[in-house]
Amino acid sequence: MPHEIINPDDLHDPVDFGYSHVAATSGDLVFVAGQYGSGPDGQVTSDDFAEQVRQSLANLRTALRAVGLDYAHVVRLGTYIVDHDADKLAVWAGAVAEIWGRKPPAQTLIGVATLALPDMKFEVEAVAARP
């Protein structure tokens, strides 16, 4: 399937980490790689779980905007939480409700022991559909 790889200038360069931020197909689907609480250098910006969620979602929005989309176009999320518990679920559920209200995307949440970088506590990937 023909597609375009996009690494927005407003996000860190992920190539040295072995991936790209966005793969946009010639059809309706856009795939956004796992976004985490990273700054311009690709390093985690905060130890705080809630702040990592906030930054991850801001990075997701930046990736979506690079292809002319926004949160409303997201049809599926994959979320990964290190040492998942009820408190972290509440933070994540609150963030989802803030963005998508009573109509969140389909989602799979997976509790994990660790993620790609030692300071990462949260990561979210997305599939979006063009209108």
N, C-alpha and C. Protein backbone atom coordinates (compact mmCIF):
# COMPACT_ATOMS: atom_id res chain seq x y z
N MET A 1 0.84 -1.17 0.00
CA MET A 1 0.00 0.00 0.00
C MET A 1 0.89 1.24 0.00
N PRO A 2 0.69 2.15 -0.95
CA PRO A 2 1.48 3.37 -0.97
C PRO A 2 1.21 4.19 0.29
N HIS A 3 2.27 4.80 0.80
CA HIS A 3 2.14 5.61 2.01
C HIS A 3 3.25 6.65 2.06
N GLU A 4 3.05 7.61 2.95
CA GLU A 4 4.04 8.66 3.15
C GLU A 4 4.48 8.63 4.61
N ILE A 5 5.77 8.73 4.83
CA ILE A 5 6.33 8.80 6.17
C ILE A 5 6.55 10.27 6.52
N ILE A 6 6.08 10.66 7.71
CA ILE A 6 6.16 12.06 8.11
C ILE A 6 6.73 12.16 9.52
N ASN A 7 7.73 13.00 9.69
CA ASN A 7 8.30 13.30 10.99
C ASN A 7 8.21 14.81 11.18
N PRO A 8 7.14 15.27 11.86
CA PRO A 8 6.93 16.72 12.02
C PRO A 8 8.11 17.41 12.68
N ASP A 9 8.42 18.60 12.20
CA ASP A 9 9.52 19.39 12.76
C ASP A 9 9.29 19.73 14.22
N ASP A 10 8.03 19.79 14.65
CA ASP A 10 7.70 20.17 16.03
C ASP A 10 7.90 19.02 17.03
N LEU A 11 8.24 17.84 16.53
CA LEU A 11 8.53 16.69 17.40
C LEU A 11 9.99 16.30 17.23
N HIS A 12 10.52 15.55 18.19
CA HIS A 12 11.92 15.12 18.09
C HIS A 12 12.11 14.23 16.86
N ASP A 13 13.32 14.17 16.38
CA ASP A 13 13.65 13.30 15.25
C ASP A 13 13.75 11.86 15.78
N PRO A 14 12.81 10.98 15.36
CA PRO A 14 12.77 9.64 15.92
C PRO A 14 13.63 8.62 15.18
N VAL A 15 14.22 8.98 14.08
CA VAL A 15 14.89 8.01 13.22
C VAL A 15 16.01 7.27 13.95
N ASP A 16 16.78 7.99 14.76
CA ASP A 16 17.86 7.32 15.50
C ASP A 16 17.32 6.35 16.56
N PHE A 17 16.04 6.52 16.93
CA PHE A 17 15.38 5.58 17.84
C PHE A 17 14.78 4.40 17.07
N GLY A 18 14.82 4.45 15.73
CA GLY A 18 14.38 3.33 14.90
C GLY A 18 12.94 3.37 14.44
N TYR A 19 12.32 4.55 14.39
CA TYR A 19 10.94 4.62 13.91
C TYR A 19 10.66 6.00 13.33
N SER A 20 9.46 6.17 12.77
CA SER A 20 8.97 7.47 12.32
C SER A 20 7.66 7.76 13.05
N HIS A 21 7.30 9.02 13.13
CA HIS A 21 6.11 9.41 13.88
C HIS A 21 4.81 9.04 13.18
N VAL A 22 4.73 9.27 11.86
CA VAL A 22 3.46 9.12 11.16
C VAL A 22 3.67 8.37 9.85
N ALA A 23 2.75 7.45 9.58
CA ALA A 23 2.66 6.80 8.27
C ALA A 23 1.24 7.04 7.76
N ALA A 24 1.14 7.81 6.70
CA ALA A 24 -0.16 8.15 6.12
C ALA A 24 -0.33 7.38 4.82
N THR A 25 -1.37 6.56 4.77
CA THR A 25 -1.62 5.78 3.56
C THR A 25 -2.22 6.67 2.49
N SER A 26 -2.22 6.16 1.26
CA SER A 26 -2.85 6.90 0.17
C SER A 26 -4.37 6.84 0.30
N GLY A 27 -4.87 5.98 1.19
CA GLY A 27 -6.30 5.88 1.44
C GLY A 27 -6.70 6.72 2.63
N ASP A 28 -7.53 6.16 3.48
CA ASP A 28 -8.12 6.91 4.58
C ASP A 28 -7.35 6.82 5.90
N LEU A 29 -6.43 5.88 6.03
CA LEU A 29 -5.84 5.62 7.33
C LEU A 29 -4.50 6.33 7.57
N VAL A 30 -4.34 6.79 8.81
CA VAL A 30 -3.11 7.41 9.26
C VAL A 30 -2.70 6.70 10.55
N PHE A 31 -1.45 6.26 10.61
CA PHE A 31 -0.93 5.55 11.78
C PHE A 31 0.07 6.44 12.48
N VAL A 32 -0.16 6.66 13.78
CA VAL A 32 0.75 7.48 14.57
C VAL A 32 1.47 6.57 15.55
N ALA A 33 2.79 6.59 15.48
CA ALA A 33 3.62 5.78 16.38
C ALA A 33 3.42 6.22 17.82
N GLY A 34 3.85 5.36 18.73
CA GLY A 34 3.72 5.66 20.14
C GLY A 34 4.33 7.01 20.50
N GLN A 35 3.49 7.85 21.11
CA GLN A 35 3.93 9.15 21.58
C GLN A 35 4.07 9.09 23.09
N TYR A 36 5.14 9.66 23.58
CA TYR A 36 5.38 9.65 25.01
C TYR A 36 5.71 11.07 25.45
N GLY A 37 5.93 11.29 26.71
CA GLY A 37 6.17 12.62 27.25
C GLY A 37 7.53 13.16 26.89
N SER A 38 7.80 13.28 25.61
CA SER A 38 9.12 13.69 25.13
C SER A 38 9.16 15.16 24.76
N GLY A 39 10.34 15.71 24.89
CA GLY A 39 10.61 17.07 24.44
C GLY A 39 11.33 17.03 23.11
N PRO A 40 11.84 18.17 22.66
CA PRO A 40 12.49 18.27 21.35
C PRO A 40 13.70 17.36 21.17
N ASP A 41 14.31 16.92 22.28
CA ASP A 41 15.48 16.06 22.18
C ASP A 41 15.13 14.57 22.26
N GLY A 42 13.84 14.26 22.39
CA GLY A 42 13.42 12.87 22.49
C GLY A 42 13.47 12.30 23.89
N GLN A 43 13.94 13.10 24.85
CA GLN A 43 14.02 12.63 26.22
C GLN A 43 12.75 12.98 26.98
N VAL A 44 12.43 12.19 27.98
CA VAL A 44 11.25 12.40 28.81
C VAL A 44 11.41 13.72 29.56
N THR A 45 10.33 14.52 29.58
CA THR A 45 10.41 15.86 30.15
C THR A 45 10.02 15.94 31.62
N SER A 46 9.37 14.90 32.17
CA SER A 46 8.92 14.94 33.56
C SER A 46 8.83 13.53 34.12
N ASP A 47 9.06 13.39 35.42
CA ASP A 47 8.86 12.12 36.11
C ASP A 47 7.40 11.89 36.49
N ASP A 48 6.59 12.93 36.44
CA ASP A 48 5.20 12.88 36.87
C ASP A 48 4.33 12.18 35.82
N PHE A 49 3.58 11.15 36.26
CA PHE A 49 2.74 10.39 35.33
C PHE A 49 1.74 11.27 34.61
N ALA A 50 1.01 12.10 35.34
CA ALA A 50 -0.02 12.96 34.73
C ALA A 50 0.60 13.91 33.71
N GLU A 51 1.79 14.42 33.99
CA GLU A 51 2.47 15.31 33.05
C GLU A 51 2.91 14.53 31.81
N GLN A 52 3.34 13.29 31.98
CA GLN A 52 3.72 12.48 30.83
C GLN A 52 2.50 12.22 29.94
N VAL A 53 1.35 11.96 30.55
CA VAL A 53 0.12 11.78 29.77
C VAL A 53 -0.19 13.06 28.99
N ARG A 54 -0.14 14.20 29.68
CA ARG A 54 -0.44 15.48 29.02
C ARG A 54 0.50 15.73 27.84
N GLN A 55 1.81 15.53 28.04
CA GLN A 55 2.77 15.76 26.98
C GLN A 55 2.61 14.76 25.84
N SER A 56 2.31 13.52 26.18
CA SER A 56 2.07 12.49 25.15
C SER A 56 0.91 12.89 24.25
N LEU A 57 -0.16 13.37 24.85
CA LEU A 57 -1.33 13.78 24.08
C LEU A 57 -1.05 15.02 23.25
N ALA A 58 -0.26 15.94 23.79
CA ALA A 58 0.15 17.11 23.00
C ALA A 58 0.97 16.68 21.80
N ASN A 59 1.87 15.72 21.99
CA ASN A 59 2.68 15.20 20.89
C ASN A 59 1.81 14.48 19.87
N LEU A 60 0.81 13.73 20.35
CA LEU A 60 -0.13 13.06 19.45
C LEU A 60 -0.84 14.10 18.59
N ARG A 61 -1.32 15.16 19.20
CA ARG A 61 -2.00 16.22 18.44
C ARG A 61 -1.06 16.82 17.39
N THR A 62 0.19 17.05 17.75
CA THR A 62 1.16 17.59 16.79
C THR A 62 1.34 16.64 15.61
N ALA A 63 1.44 15.35 15.88
CA ALA A 63 1.59 14.36 14.81
C ALA A 63 0.35 14.34 13.91
N LEU A 64 -0.82 14.40 14.50
CA LEU A 64 -2.05 14.41 13.72
C LEU A 64 -2.15 15.67 12.85
N ARG A 65 -1.80 16.79 13.43
CA ARG A 65 -1.89 18.06 12.69
C ARG A 65 -0.94 18.09 11.50
N ALA A 66 0.14 17.33 11.56
CA ALA A 66 1.09 17.27 10.44
C ALA A 66 0.45 16.72 9.18
N VAL A 67 -0.68 16.00 9.34
CA VAL A 67 -1.40 15.47 8.17
C VAL A 67 -2.81 16.05 8.10
N GLY A 68 -3.02 17.20 8.75
CA GLY A 68 -4.29 17.90 8.65
C GLY A 68 -5.42 17.29 9.46
N LEU A 69 -5.10 16.51 10.48
CA LEU A 69 -6.12 15.87 11.31
C LEU A 69 -6.02 16.37 12.75
N ASP A 70 -6.98 15.92 13.56
CA ASP A 70 -6.96 16.26 14.98
C ASP A 70 -7.54 15.08 15.76
N TYR A 71 -7.70 15.27 17.06
CA TYR A 71 -8.20 14.20 17.92
C TYR A 71 -9.51 13.60 17.40
N ALA A 72 -10.38 14.41 16.82
CA ALA A 72 -11.69 13.93 16.36
C ALA A 72 -11.56 12.85 15.28
N HIS A 73 -10.42 12.76 14.63
CA HIS A 73 -10.23 11.77 13.57
C HIS A 73 -9.68 10.44 14.08
N VAL A 74 -9.33 10.37 15.35
CA VAL A 74 -8.76 9.15 15.92
C VAL A 74 -9.85 8.10 16.10
N VAL A 75 -9.60 6.91 15.55
CA VAL A 75 -10.57 5.82 15.67
C VAL A 75 -10.09 4.72 16.61
N ARG A 76 -8.80 4.67 16.89
CA ARG A 76 -8.27 3.64 17.78
C ARG A 76 -7.03 4.16 18.50
N LEU A 77 -6.94 3.80 19.78
CA LEU A 77 -5.76 4.10 20.59
C LEU A 77 -5.17 2.81 21.13
N GLY A 78 -3.88 2.77 21.24
CA GLY A 78 -3.18 1.74 21.99
C GLY A 78 -2.41 2.45 23.08
N THR A 79 -2.67 2.09 24.34
CA THR A 79 -2.01 2.77 25.44
C THR A 79 -1.22 1.79 26.28
N TYR A 80 -0.09 2.26 26.78
CA TYR A 80 0.83 1.43 27.55
C TYR A 80 1.18 2.19 28.82
N ILE A 81 0.91 1.58 29.98
CA ILE A 81 1.17 2.21 31.26
C ILE A 81 2.11 1.33 32.07
N VAL A 82 3.23 1.91 32.48
CA VAL A 82 4.19 1.20 33.33
C VAL A 82 3.61 1.10 34.74
N ASP A 83 3.66 -0.12 35.31
CA ASP A 83 3.14 -0.37 36.66
C ASP A 83 1.72 0.16 36.81
N HIS A 84 0.87 -0.25 35.87
CA HIS A 84 -0.53 0.17 35.82
C HIS A 84 -1.24 -0.07 37.15
N ASP A 85 -2.02 0.92 37.56
CA ASP A 85 -2.86 0.77 38.75
C ASP A 85 -4.09 1.67 38.60
N ALA A 86 -4.98 1.63 39.59
CA ALA A 86 -6.24 2.37 39.51
C ALA A 86 -6.01 3.89 39.46
N ASP A 87 -5.01 4.38 40.17
CA ASP A 87 -4.74 5.82 40.15
C ASP A 87 -4.31 6.28 38.76
N LYS A 88 -3.45 5.52 38.13
CA LYS A 88 -3.00 5.88 36.79
C LYS A 88 -4.14 5.75 35.79
N LEU A 89 -4.98 4.74 35.95
CA LEU A 89 -6.15 4.60 35.08
C LEU A 89 -7.06 5.82 35.22
N ALA A 90 -7.24 6.30 36.42
CA ALA A 90 -8.09 7.47 36.64
C ALA A 90 -7.52 8.70 35.93
N VAL A 91 -6.20 8.88 35.98
CA VAL A 91 -5.57 10.00 35.28
C VAL A 91 -5.81 9.88 33.78
N TRP A 92 -5.57 8.68 33.25
CA TRP A 92 -5.74 8.47 31.81
C TRP A 92 -7.20 8.62 31.40
N ALA A 93 -8.11 8.04 32.16
CA ALA A 93 -9.54 8.14 31.82
C ALA A 93 -10.00 9.59 31.85
N GLY A 94 -9.48 10.38 32.79
CA GLY A 94 -9.82 11.79 32.84
C GLY A 94 -9.33 12.54 31.61
N ALA A 95 -8.13 12.22 31.16
CA ALA A 95 -7.58 12.87 29.96
C ALA A 95 -8.40 12.49 28.72
N VAL A 96 -8.79 11.23 28.63
CA VAL A 96 -9.61 10.77 27.50
C VAL A 96 -10.95 11.50 27.52
N ALA A 97 -11.58 11.58 28.68
CA ALA A 97 -12.88 12.25 28.79
C ALA A 97 -12.78 13.72 28.41
N GLU A 98 -11.66 14.36 28.79
CA GLU A 98 -11.46 15.77 28.46
C GLU A 98 -11.41 16.00 26.96
N ILE A 99 -10.81 15.07 26.24
CA ILE A 99 -10.65 15.23 24.79
C ILE A 99 -11.84 14.69 24.01
N TRP A 100 -12.27 13.47 24.33
CA TRP A 100 -13.29 12.79 23.52
C TRP A 100 -14.67 12.72 24.18
N GLY A 101 -14.78 13.19 25.41
CA GLY A 101 -16.09 13.17 26.07
C GLY A 101 -16.63 11.77 26.23
N ARG A 102 -17.89 11.60 25.89
CA ARG A 102 -18.58 10.31 26.05
C ARG A 102 -18.43 9.42 24.81
N LYS A 103 -17.60 9.82 23.84
CA LYS A 103 -17.39 9.01 22.62
C LYS A 103 -15.90 8.82 22.36
N PRO A 104 -15.21 8.12 23.27
CA PRO A 104 -13.78 7.89 23.05
C PRO A 104 -13.56 6.88 21.92
N PRO A 105 -12.36 6.90 21.34
CA PRO A 105 -12.02 5.92 20.31
C PRO A 105 -11.97 4.51 20.91
N ALA A 106 -12.01 3.51 20.04
CA ALA A 106 -11.72 2.14 20.48
C ALA A 106 -10.31 2.16 21.07
N GLN A 107 -10.09 1.33 22.09
CA GLN A 107 -8.80 1.41 22.76
C GLN A 107 -8.43 0.09 23.42
N THR A 108 -7.15 -0.20 23.41
CA THR A 108 -6.59 -1.28 24.21
C THR A 108 -5.55 -0.67 25.12
N LEU A 109 -5.68 -0.94 26.41
CA LEU A 109 -4.72 -0.46 27.41
C LEU A 109 -3.96 -1.67 27.93
N ILE A 110 -2.65 -1.57 27.91
CA ILE A 110 -1.80 -2.68 28.35
C ILE A 110 -0.87 -2.18 29.45
N GLY A 111 -0.91 -2.85 30.58
CA GLY A 111 0.05 -2.57 31.64
C GLY A 111 1.35 -3.27 31.33
N VAL A 112 2.45 -2.55 31.46
CA VAL A 112 3.76 -3.10 31.10
C VAL A 112 4.77 -2.86 32.23
N ALA A 113 5.84 -3.63 32.22
CA ALA A 113 6.89 -3.48 33.21
C ALA A 113 7.81 -2.31 32.88
N THR A 114 8.02 -2.07 31.60
CA THR A 114 8.92 -1.00 31.17
C THR A 114 8.59 -0.62 29.73
N LEU A 115 9.08 0.55 29.32
CA LEU A 115 8.94 1.01 27.93
C LEU A 115 10.33 1.28 27.38
N ALA A 116 10.41 1.91 26.21
CA ALA A 116 11.68 2.04 25.49
C ALA A 116 12.77 2.79 26.24
N LEU A 117 12.39 3.83 26.98
CA LEU A 117 13.37 4.59 27.76
C LEU A 117 13.07 4.41 29.24
N PRO A 118 14.09 4.40 30.08
CA PRO A 118 13.89 4.09 31.49
C PRO A 118 12.91 5.02 32.22
N ASP A 119 12.82 6.29 31.80
CA ASP A 119 11.96 7.25 32.50
C ASP A 119 10.52 7.28 31.98
N MET A 120 10.25 6.54 30.90
CA MET A 120 8.90 6.55 30.34
C MET A 120 7.94 5.79 31.25
N LYS A 121 6.79 6.42 31.53
CA LYS A 121 5.74 5.78 32.33
C LYS A 121 4.47 5.57 31.52
N PHE A 122 4.41 6.19 30.33
CA PHE A 122 3.19 6.16 29.53
C PHE A 122 3.54 6.33 28.06
N GLU A 123 2.74 5.68 27.19
CA GLU A 123 2.89 5.84 25.75
C GLU A 123 1.53 5.59 25.11
N VAL A 124 1.24 6.36 24.06
CA VAL A 124 -0.03 6.19 23.34
C VAL A 124 0.23 6.21 21.83
N GLU A 125 -0.35 5.23 21.14
CA GLU A 125 -0.29 5.20 19.67
C GLU A 125 -1.70 5.34 19.16
N ALA A 126 -1.85 5.73 17.88
CA ALA A 126 -3.19 5.98 17.35
C ALA A 126 -3.31 5.58 15.90
N VAL A 127 -4.54 5.26 15.53
CA VAL A 127 -4.94 5.12 14.14
C VAL A 127 -6.03 6.17 13.93
N ALA A 128 -5.86 6.95 12.90
CA ALA A 128 -6.85 7.99 12.57
C ALA A 128 -7.39 7.72 11.17
N ALA A 129 -8.60 8.22 10.91
CA ALA A 129 -9.23 8.07 9.60
C ALA A 129 -9.48 9.45 9.02
N ARG A 130 -9.08 9.61 7.79
CA ARG A 130 -9.37 10.86 7.10
C ARG A 130 -10.85 10.90 6.76
N PRO A 131 -11.43 12.10 6.80
CA PRO A 131 -12.87 12.20 6.48
C PRO A 131 -13.14 11.91 5.01
